[in-house]
């Protein structure tokens, strides 16, 4: 049974929330973060990507980056820009983008539930990125970015509980935010994402909410595998140093939990730099062994259903459809994913891209950038071909996690993005 608990969050002063709140550290490069934070000393990017305040020759994993992150966080607290709540609280966090609204609960979850399978994962972690977050958490003595969790919604009880609270209380934060770094990015990045937060400090309300979440059989990581793994490693390190204390805050990590029905996964498209020595005709001939290829697609070939792929090369758009769907093993939720089909039937056997995590010949384009971005990068000569994907579903993600399997890298892109800096969880 899932376990959550209230915590004394460190939060922005109400009038500074919009300035402090920042996009997640892993959706922008150091160069983009410098542009986003320019002229705004309160931006939480100064904490999550502190290299932006150091000389550009200093590597992003240098110890000085973590020292600067701690100094910047201390400045936000000591200046009064961020203040710790006096009482352990839970927090409702609502994000609205166009017609989509998702309302979640900010709480602490147990790192041990990751180890015992009650928090289910669907991605692997990379050693360098994991070490980075371990150093960041340990240096700051805090979780600064929430893990994005979901639960399988079988009734509306929890959602209605949160909605009832929100409708009967004034929001503590209510602002709109953007995170375009450049005019080019601004064409793709959602504008005016609304962020609303309600603080729940009533002990009776907290007890009722905690009990409701205890009835959930599991939680699923939608995004934040490196943050979760780093929290578990820091908890392990501190247990080895000081012994096991079940009440220690380091045994818990910052999380936001949403019902799966409110979440939408967007397409995460692929681009390849070359055709592995093939010309377009030879490449298409190999594709036709496994796919029907319609090369008279009108406009952009955006897949409208599973097992269909848009293909863009300089000669134009084509729609690919898997010929023999009966060949798929429906009992294996990972292998029937479109990202797995693309990998197993095209990327590896035809294009020679076996490891999409490490191969420099492949890149990804997700979120709001759409098919226009694929055309731009191929037409410029940077890429030889692009594949437009049909989005995975939350049901597929949860089925893979339930089976203990792993999704291929870059299979999911969630929008809108959670903001960092609205909630910080101190480890002691």
Protein backbone atom coordinates (compact mmCIF):
# COMPACT_ATOMS: atom_id res chain seq x y z
CA UNK A 1 0.00 0.00 0.00
CA UNK A 2 1.33 3.41 -0.97
CA UNK A 3 2.56 5.59 1.88
CA UNK A 4 2.79 9.38 1.84
CA UNK A 5 3.48 11.95 4.52
CA UNK A 6 3.28 15.68 5.11
CA UNK A 7 6.45 17.77 5.34
CA UNK A 8 7.54 21.30 6.19
CA UNK A 9 8.06 22.66 2.71
CA UNK A 10 10.43 25.48 1.90
CA UNK A 11 8.45 27.67 -0.48
CA UNK A 12 8.64 31.03 -2.27
CA UNK A 13 7.13 34.13 -0.77
CA UNK A 14 3.81 34.58 -2.53
CA UNK A 15 4.86 37.70 -4.46
CA UNK A 16 8.03 35.95 -5.71
CA UNK A 17 6.57 32.57 -6.70
CA UNK A 18 6.38 33.39 -10.41
CA UNK A 19 9.99 34.64 -10.44
CA UNK A 20 11.41 31.72 -8.46
CA UNK A 21 9.53 28.89 -10.19
CA UNK A 22 11.61 27.46 -13.03
CA UNK A 23 11.42 24.63 -15.56
CA UNK A 24 12.93 21.28 -14.55
CA UNK A 25 16.72 21.14 -14.73
CA UNK A 26 16.67 18.37 -17.33
CA UNK A 27 14.55 20.07 -20.01
CA UNK A 28 17.04 22.83 -20.79
CA UNK A 29 20.74 23.04 -21.55
CA UNK A 30 23.15 25.21 -19.60
CA UNK A 31 23.10 27.78 -22.41
CA UNK A 32 19.30 27.88 -22.43
CA UNK A 33 19.21 28.15 -18.63
CA UNK A 34 21.53 31.16 -18.77
CA UNK A 35 19.11 32.91 -21.10
CA UNK A 36 16.06 31.95 -19.04
CA UNK A 37 17.56 33.19 -15.78
CA UNK A 38 19.16 36.34 -17.19
CA UNK A 39 18.14 39.38 -15.16
CA UNK A 40 16.29 37.27 -12.59
CA UNK A 41 18.45 36.48 -9.55
CA UNK A 42 15.50 34.68 -7.94
CA UNK A 43 15.14 32.05 -10.66
CA UNK A 44 15.48 28.57 -9.21
CA UNK A 45 17.69 27.71 -12.17
CA UNK A 46 20.47 29.32 -10.12
CA UNK A 47 19.99 26.38 -7.73
CA UNK A 48 19.15 23.51 -10.07
CA UNK A 49 21.68 24.50 -12.76
CA UNK A 50 24.20 26.54 -10.80
CA UNK A 51 26.81 26.26 -13.54
CA UNK A 52 25.06 29.25 -15.14
CA UNK A 53 26.70 31.43 -12.47
CA UNK A 54 30.20 30.11 -13.09
CA UNK A 55 32.67 30.42 -15.92
CA UNK A 56 31.54 28.46 -18.96
CA UNK A 57 34.81 26.50 -18.95
CA UNK A 58 33.80 24.81 -15.67
CA UNK A 59 32.20 21.43 -16.28
CA UNK A 60 28.60 20.88 -15.19
CA UNK A 61 29.67 18.06 -12.82
CA UNK A 62 32.49 20.05 -11.17
CA UNK A 63 32.29 20.20 -7.35
CA UNK A 64 32.16 23.98 -7.59
CA UNK A 65 28.76 23.71 -9.26
CA UNK A 66 27.25 21.97 -6.23
CA UNK A 67 28.91 24.43 -3.85
CA UNK A 68 27.41 27.30 -5.85
CA UNK A 69 24.00 25.61 -5.86
CA UNK A 70 24.07 25.43 -2.06
CA UNK A 71 25.17 29.06 -1.78
CA UNK A 72 22.40 30.20 -4.12
CA UNK A 73 19.78 28.21 -2.21
CA UNK A 74 21.03 29.61 1.10
CA UNK A 75 20.71 33.12 -0.34
CA UNK A 76 17.07 32.54 -1.28
CA UNK A 77 16.32 31.34 2.26
CA UNK A 78 18.43 33.88 4.16
CA UNK A 79 17.01 36.78 2.13
CA UNK A 80 13.47 35.70 2.98
CA UNK A 81 12.58 34.93 -0.63
CA UNK A 82 11.85 31.34 0.41
CA UNK A 83 10.46 30.38 3.82
CA UNK A 84 9.91 27.03 5.52
CA UNK A 85 6.38 26.24 6.66
CA UNK A 86 5.97 26.05 10.43
CA UNK A 87 3.79 22.92 10.31
CA UNK A 88 4.04 19.73 8.24
CA UNK A 89 1.70 20.22 5.31
CA UNK A 90 0.43 18.68 2.11
CA UNK A 91 0.02 20.77 -1.03
CA UNK A 92 -2.39 20.67 -3.95
CA UNK A 93 -0.70 21.54 -7.25
CA UNK A 94 -2.83 22.24 -10.31
CA UNK A 95 -1.48 22.87 -13.82
CA UNK A 96 -3.67 24.13 -16.66
CA UNK A 97 -2.65 24.20 -20.31
CA UNK A 98 -5.31 25.10 -22.86
CA UNK A 99 -8.22 22.77 -22.06
CA UNK A 100 -6.13 20.28 -20.06
CA UNK A 101 -6.17 20.49 -16.27
CA UNK A 102 -4.28 18.16 -13.95
CA UNK A 103 -4.51 18.36 -10.18
CA UNK A 104 -2.04 16.50 -8.00
CA UNK A 105 -0.88 16.20 -4.42
CA UNK A 106 2.59 17.29 -3.30
CA UNK A 107 3.81 15.04 -0.50
CA UNK A 108 6.78 13.00 0.59
CA UNK A 109 6.96 9.36 -0.49
CA UNK A 110 9.15 6.67 1.02
CA UNK A 111 12.34 5.82 -0.86
CA UNK A 112 11.97 2.25 0.43
CA UNK A 113 8.77 1.89 -1.57
CA UNK A 114 10.91 2.23 -4.68
CA UNK A 115 13.00 -0.70 -3.48
CA UNK A 116 10.05 -2.91 -2.56
CA UNK A 117 8.16 -2.31 -5.77
CA UNK A 118 5.33 -0.09 -4.51
CA UNK A 119 6.74 2.77 -6.60
CA UNK A 120 7.09 1.28 -10.06
CA UNK A 121 9.62 2.41 -12.65
CA UNK A 122 9.71 2.11 -16.43
CA UNK A 123 13.11 3.61 -17.36
CA UNK A 124 16.77 2.93 -16.69
CA UNK A 125 19.09 5.58 -15.31
CA UNK A 126 22.41 6.82 -16.67
CA UNK A 127 25.38 6.71 -14.31
CA UNK A 128 26.58 10.27 -14.99
CA UNK A 129 23.15 11.82 -14.54
CA UNK A 130 22.47 9.77 -11.42
CA UNK A 131 25.78 10.82 -9.82
CA UNK A 132 24.98 14.45 -10.63
CA UNK A 133 21.67 14.33 -8.75
CA UNK A 134 23.20 12.42 -5.82
CA UNK A 135 25.80 15.18 -5.40
CA UNK A 136 23.16 17.86 -5.78
CA UNK A 137 20.81 16.38 -3.17
CA UNK A 138 23.63 15.70 -0.72
CA UNK A 139 25.20 19.15 -1.12
CA UNK A 140 21.91 20.99 -0.64
CA UNK A 141 20.60 18.61 2.02
CA UNK A 142 17.34 18.80 0.10
CA UNK A 143 15.16 17.47 -2.69
CA UNK A 144 14.67 20.48 -4.95
CA UNK A 145 12.79 18.87 -7.82
CA UNK A 146 9.70 16.69 -7.38
CA UNK A 147 9.30 13.19 -8.74
CA UNK A 148 6.32 13.07 -11.09
CA UNK A 149 4.16 10.12 -9.96
CA UNK A 150 0.81 8.74 -11.07
CA UNK A 151 -1.69 6.32 -9.63
CA UNK A 152 -4.16 4.11 -11.44
CA UNK A 153 -7.46 5.89 -10.93
CA UNK A 154 -10.28 3.40 -10.37
CA UNK A 155 -12.55 5.88 -8.57
CA UNK A 156 -12.79 9.66 -8.29
CA UNK A 157 -12.63 9.69 -4.48
CA UNK A 158 -9.15 11.17 -4.19
CA UNK A 159 -9.64 13.66 -7.02
CA UNK A 160 -12.90 14.85 -5.51
CA UNK A 161 -11.26 15.25 -2.09
CA UNK A 162 -8.59 17.54 -3.55
CA UNK A 163 -11.04 19.44 -5.74
CA UNK A 164 -13.35 20.06 -2.77
CA UNK A 165 -10.48 21.55 -0.79
CA UNK A 166 -9.34 23.73 -3.67
CA UNK A 167 -12.83 25.01 -4.42
CA UNK A 168 -13.38 26.08 -0.83
CA UNK A 169 -10.01 27.77 -0.20
CA UNK A 170 -8.10 30.59 -1.83
CA UNK A 171 -5.02 29.49 -3.76
CA UNK A 172 -1.71 30.36 -2.13
CA UNK A 173 -0.09 30.71 -5.55
CA UNK A 174 -1.79 31.45 -8.85
CA UNK A 175 0.35 32.57 -11.78
CA UNK A 176 1.07 31.89 -15.42
CA UNK A 177 4.53 30.94 -16.61
CA UNK A 178 6.49 30.34 -19.77
CA UNK A 179 9.95 28.86 -20.25
CA UNK A 180 11.02 29.66 -23.79
CA UNK A 181 14.76 30.37 -23.83
CA UNK A 182 14.98 31.89 -27.30
CA UNK A 183 12.61 33.33 -29.92
CA UNK A 184 13.04 30.06 -31.84
CA UNK A 185 11.94 28.06 -28.79
CA UNK A 186 9.00 30.39 -28.23
CA UNK A 187 7.33 29.00 -31.34
CA UNK A 188 7.06 25.59 -29.68
CA UNK A 189 6.93 26.12 -25.92
CA UNK A 190 3.44 26.39 -24.37
CA UNK A 191 2.53 29.93 -23.39
CA UNK A 192 0.77 30.88 -20.22
CA UNK A 193 0.73 27.59 -18.32
CA UNK A 194 -1.28 28.30 -15.18
CA UNK A 195 0.14 27.07 -11.87
CA UNK A 196 -2.04 27.01 -8.76
CA UNK A 197 -1.05 25.80 -5.28
CA UNK A 198 -3.07 25.30 -2.10
CA UNK A 199 -1.41 24.59 1.27
CA UNK A 200 -3.15 22.02 3.49
CA UNK A 201 -1.97 22.39 7.09
CA UNK A 202 -5.10 21.13 8.86
CA UNK A 203 -4.16 17.96 10.75
CA UNK A 204 -7.62 16.44 10.24
CA UNK A 205 -7.50 17.07 6.49
CA UNK A 206 -3.97 15.69 6.27
CA UNK A 207 -4.96 12.49 8.08
CA UNK A 208 -7.93 11.95 5.75
CA UNK A 209 -5.82 12.46 2.64
CA UNK A 210 -2.97 10.25 3.84
CA UNK A 211 -5.46 7.46 4.60
CA UNK A 212 -6.97 7.74 1.12
CA UNK A 213 -3.57 7.30 -0.51
CA UNK A 214 -2.77 4.30 1.70
CA UNK A 215 -5.47 2.39 -0.17
CA UNK A 216 -3.58 2.72 -3.47
CA UNK A 217 -1.79 -0.52 -4.40
CA UNK A 218 1.09 1.24 -6.20
CA UNK A 219 2.45 4.48 -7.59
CA UNK A 220 4.07 4.83 -11.03
CA UNK A 221 6.98 7.05 -11.99
CA UNK A 222 5.87 9.19 -14.91
CA UNK A 223 9.03 11.30 -14.90
CA UNK A 224 11.95 11.68 -12.51
CA UNK A 225 13.72 8.31 -12.44
CA UNK A 226 17.09 9.95 -11.76
CA UNK A 227 15.63 12.06 -8.94
CA UNK A 228 14.07 8.98 -7.33
CA UNK A 229 17.21 6.87 -7.65
CA UNK A 230 19.37 9.68 -6.26
CA UNK A 231 17.05 10.08 -3.27
CA UNK A 232 17.38 6.36 -2.53
CA UNK A 233 21.17 6.53 -2.79
CA UNK A 234 21.42 9.54 -0.48
CA UNK A 235 19.17 7.77 2.04
CA UNK A 236 21.49 4.75 1.86
CA UNK A 237 24.59 6.94 2.36
CA UNK A 238 23.10 8.65 5.40
CA UNK A 239 21.99 5.38 6.94
CA UNK A 240 25.55 4.08 6.62
CA UNK A 241 26.90 7.23 8.27
CA UNK A 242 24.37 7.65 11.08
CA UNK A 243 22.43 4.41 11.36
CA UNK A 244 18.85 3.72 10.35
CA UNK A 245 16.23 6.08 11.75
CA UNK A 246 12.78 5.37 10.26
CA UNK A 247 11.67 8.93 11.01
CA UNK A 248 14.62 10.59 9.24
CA UNK A 249 13.53 12.95 6.47
CA UNK A 250 16.27 11.51 4.24
CA UNK A 251 14.17 8.33 3.97
CA UNK A 252 11.53 10.31 2.08
CA UNK A 253 11.56 12.27 -1.14
CA UNK A 254 9.60 15.11 -2.71
CA UNK A 255 6.84 13.91 -5.04
CA UNK A 256 3.77 15.12 -6.92
CA UNK A 257 1.08 12.48 -7.43
CA UNK A 258 -1.58 12.71 -10.16
CA UNK A 259 -4.42 10.39 -11.24
CA UNK A 260 -3.42 8.70 -14.50
CA UNK A 261 -6.63 9.80 -16.21
CA UNK A 262 -5.56 13.46 -16.10
CA UNK A 263 -2.17 12.92 -17.73
CA UNK A 264 -1.35 12.99 -21.42
CA UNK A 265 1.80 11.68 -23.06
CA UNK A 266 2.90 13.50 -26.19
CA UNK A 267 4.79 12.08 -29.13
CA UNK A 268 8.56 11.76 -28.80
CA UNK A 269 9.95 11.73 -32.32
CA UNK A 270 13.25 10.38 -33.65
CA UNK A 271 15.80 11.82 -36.10
CA UNK A 272 18.80 10.04 -37.65
CA UNK A 273 21.90 11.66 -39.11
CA UNK A 274 22.45 9.17 -41.94
CA UNK A 275 20.91 6.11 -43.61
CA UNK A 276 23.80 3.79 -42.77
CA UNK A 277 25.30 3.98 -46.26
CA UNK A 278 21.98 3.51 -48.07
CA UNK A 279 20.36 5.88 -50.51
CA UNK A 280 16.67 6.69 -50.13
CA UNK A 281 15.50 4.09 -52.66
CA UNK A 282 17.48 1.27 -51.04
CA UNK A 283 16.27 2.34 -47.60
CA UNK A 284 12.64 2.35 -48.72
CA UNK A 285 13.05 -1.06 -50.35
CA UNK A 286 14.16 -2.53 -47.01
CA UNK A 287 11.32 -0.81 -45.16
CA UNK A 288 8.76 -2.35 -47.51
CA UNK A 289 9.64 -5.84 -46.28
CA UNK A 290 7.95 -5.09 -42.94
CA UNK A 291 5.85 -1.98 -43.62
CA UNK A 292 3.41 -0.74 -46.17
CA UNK A 293 4.75 2.58 -47.42
CA UNK A 294 2.36 5.22 -48.68
CA UNK A 295 4.43 7.87 -50.38
CA UNK A 296 1.57 10.09 -51.48
CA UNK A 297 0.76 11.42 -47.99
CA UNK A 298 -0.90 14.82 -48.19
CA UNK A 299 0.97 17.35 -46.12
CA UNK A 300 2.66 16.07 -42.97
CA UNK A 301 2.28 12.37 -42.16
CA UNK A 302 1.24 12.52 -38.51
CA UNK A 303 0.40 9.05 -37.16
CA UNK A 304 -3.18 8.79 -35.92
CA UNK A 305 -3.01 5.29 -34.47
CA UNK A 306 -0.59 2.73 -33.06
CA UNK A 307 1.89 0.92 -35.33
CA UNK A 308 1.92 3.79 -37.84
CA UNK A 309 4.97 6.03 -38.36
CA UNK A 310 5.51 9.20 -40.30
CA UNK A 311 8.78 9.22 -42.26
CA UNK A 312 10.28 12.46 -43.54
CA UNK A 313 13.26 12.67 -45.88
CA UNK A 314 14.27 15.35 -48.36
CA UNK A 315 12.01 13.68 -50.93
CA UNK A 316 9.00 14.33 -48.69
CA UNK A 317 6.65 12.65 -46.22
CA UNK A 318 5.57 9.01 -46.23
CA UNK A 319 3.34 7.02 -43.92
CA UNK A 320 4.56 3.63 -42.71
CA UNK A 321 2.18 0.99 -41.38
CA UNK A 322 3.24 -2.32 -39.89
CA UNK A 323 2.15 -5.07 -42.27
CA UNK A 324 1.76 -8.03 -39.97
CA UNK A 325 0.45 -6.95 -36.58
CA UNK A 326 -0.34 -10.58 -35.77
CA UNK A 327 3.41 -11.16 -35.46
CA UNK A 328 3.51 -9.02 -32.33
CA UNK A 329 3.57 -10.78 -29.00
CA UNK A 330 0.65 -9.15 -27.21
CA UNK A 331 1.75 -10.74 -23.93
CA UNK A 332 4.89 -8.57 -23.92
CA UNK A 333 3.85 -4.94 -23.25
CA UNK A 334 7.32 -3.60 -24.03
CA UNK A 335 7.81 -5.18 -27.45
CA UNK A 336 4.45 -3.96 -28.81
CA UNK A 337 5.33 -0.33 -28.07
CA UNK A 338 5.80 1.74 -31.21
CA UNK A 339 9.20 2.91 -29.96
CA UNK A 340 10.22 -0.76 -29.60
CA UNK A 341 8.88 -1.66 -33.06
CA UNK A 342 10.84 1.20 -34.60
CA UNK A 343 13.97 0.10 -32.74
CA UNK A 344 13.63 -3.62 -33.49
CA UNK A 345 12.56 -3.39 -37.14
CA UNK A 346 14.24 -0.22 -38.44
CA UNK A 347 16.80 1.52 -36.24
CA UNK A 348 18.91 -1.50 -35.34
CA UNK A 349 18.61 -3.95 -38.27
CA UNK A 350 18.57 -1.36 -41.09
CA UNK A 351 20.28 1.74 -39.73
CA UNK A 352 22.71 0.01 -37.36
CA UNK A 353 21.65 1.99 -34.28
CA UNK A 354 21.72 -0.58 -31.49
CA UNK A 355 21.99 1.62 -28.41
CA UNK A 356 19.85 4.74 -28.67
CA UNK A 357 21.14 5.92 -25.28
CA UNK A 358 24.70 6.27 -26.51
CA UNK A 359 24.66 6.38 -30.33
CA UNK A 360 25.43 9.89 -31.56
CA UNK A 361 23.67 9.25 -34.89
CA UNK A 362 20.20 9.55 -33.33
CA UNK A 363 18.43 12.47 -31.71
CA UNK A 364 14.96 13.12 -30.31
CA UNK A 365 12.36 15.85 -30.61
CA UNK A 366 9.50 15.86 -28.16
CA UNK A 367 6.72 17.85 -26.69
CA UNK A 368 5.27 20.81 -28.49
CA UNK A 369 7.84 21.09 -31.28
CA UNK A 370 5.75 19.02 -33.65
CA UNK A 371 6.49 17.87 -37.18
CA UNK A 372 7.66 21.28 -38.37
CA UNK A 373 10.81 20.80 -36.32
CA UNK A 374 11.46 17.45 -38.03
CA UNK A 375 11.18 19.08 -41.45
CA UNK A 376 13.51 21.91 -40.45
CA UNK A 377 16.28 19.63 -39.24
CA UNK A 378 16.11 17.33 -42.27
CA UNK A 379 15.84 20.17 -44.80
CA UNK A 380 18.87 21.87 -43.22
CA UNK A 381 20.99 18.77 -43.91
CA UNK A 382 21.60 18.19 -40.20
CA UNK A 383 19.56 14.98 -40.31
CA UNK A 384 18.87 12.48 -43.07
CA UNK A 385 15.49 11.22 -41.89
CA UNK A 386 12.92 11.74 -39.17
CA UNK A 387 10.27 9.43 -37.74
CA UNK A 388 7.04 10.87 -36.35
CA UNK A 389 5.66 8.68 -33.59
CA UNK A 390 2.20 7.98 -32.20
CA UNK A 391 2.26 8.80 -28.46
CA UNK A 392 2.45 6.04 -25.88
CA UNK A 393 -0.40 5.92 -23.38
CA UNK A 394 -0.47 5.93 -19.60
CA UNK A 395 -2.04 2.47 -19.79
CA UNK A 396 0.99 1.21 -21.74
CA UNK A 397 3.39 2.84 -19.28
CA UNK A 398 1.66 1.24 -16.31
CA UNK A 399 1.44 -2.18 -17.99
CA UNK A 400 5.18 -2.13 -18.64
CA UNK A 401 5.93 -1.06 -15.07
CA UNK A 402 3.59 -3.75 -13.70
CA UNK A 403 5.43 -6.35 -15.76
CA UNK A 404 8.80 -5.17 -14.46
CA UNK A 405 9.89 -4.20 -17.98
CA UNK A 406 11.63 -1.08 -19.27
CA UNK A 407 10.46 1.32 -21.95
CA UNK A 408 12.95 2.36 -24.64
CA UNK A 409 14.62 5.72 -23.93
CA UNK A 410 12.68 8.85 -24.84
CA UNK A 411 9.33 7.08 -25.09
CA UNK A 412 7.31 9.59 -23.10
CA UNK A 413 7.02 13.37 -23.05
CA UNK A 414 4.62 14.92 -20.55
CA UNK A 415 3.22 18.41 -20.93
CA UNK A 416 2.70 20.70 -19.07
CA UNK A 417 5.92 20.47 -17.11
CA UNK A 418 6.08 20.76 -13.32
CA UNK A 419 7.95 23.83 -12.07
CA UNK A 420 10.92 23.48 -9.76
CA UNK A 421 11.36 25.80 -6.78
CA UNK A 422 7.74 25.85 -5.64
CA UNK A 423 8.46 23.16 -3.06
CA UNK A 424 11.72 22.08 -1.44
CA UNK A 425 12.01 19.19 1.01
CA UNK A 426 14.85 19.44 3.56
CA UNK A 427 16.49 16.15 4.54
CA UNK A 428 17.10 17.18 8.17
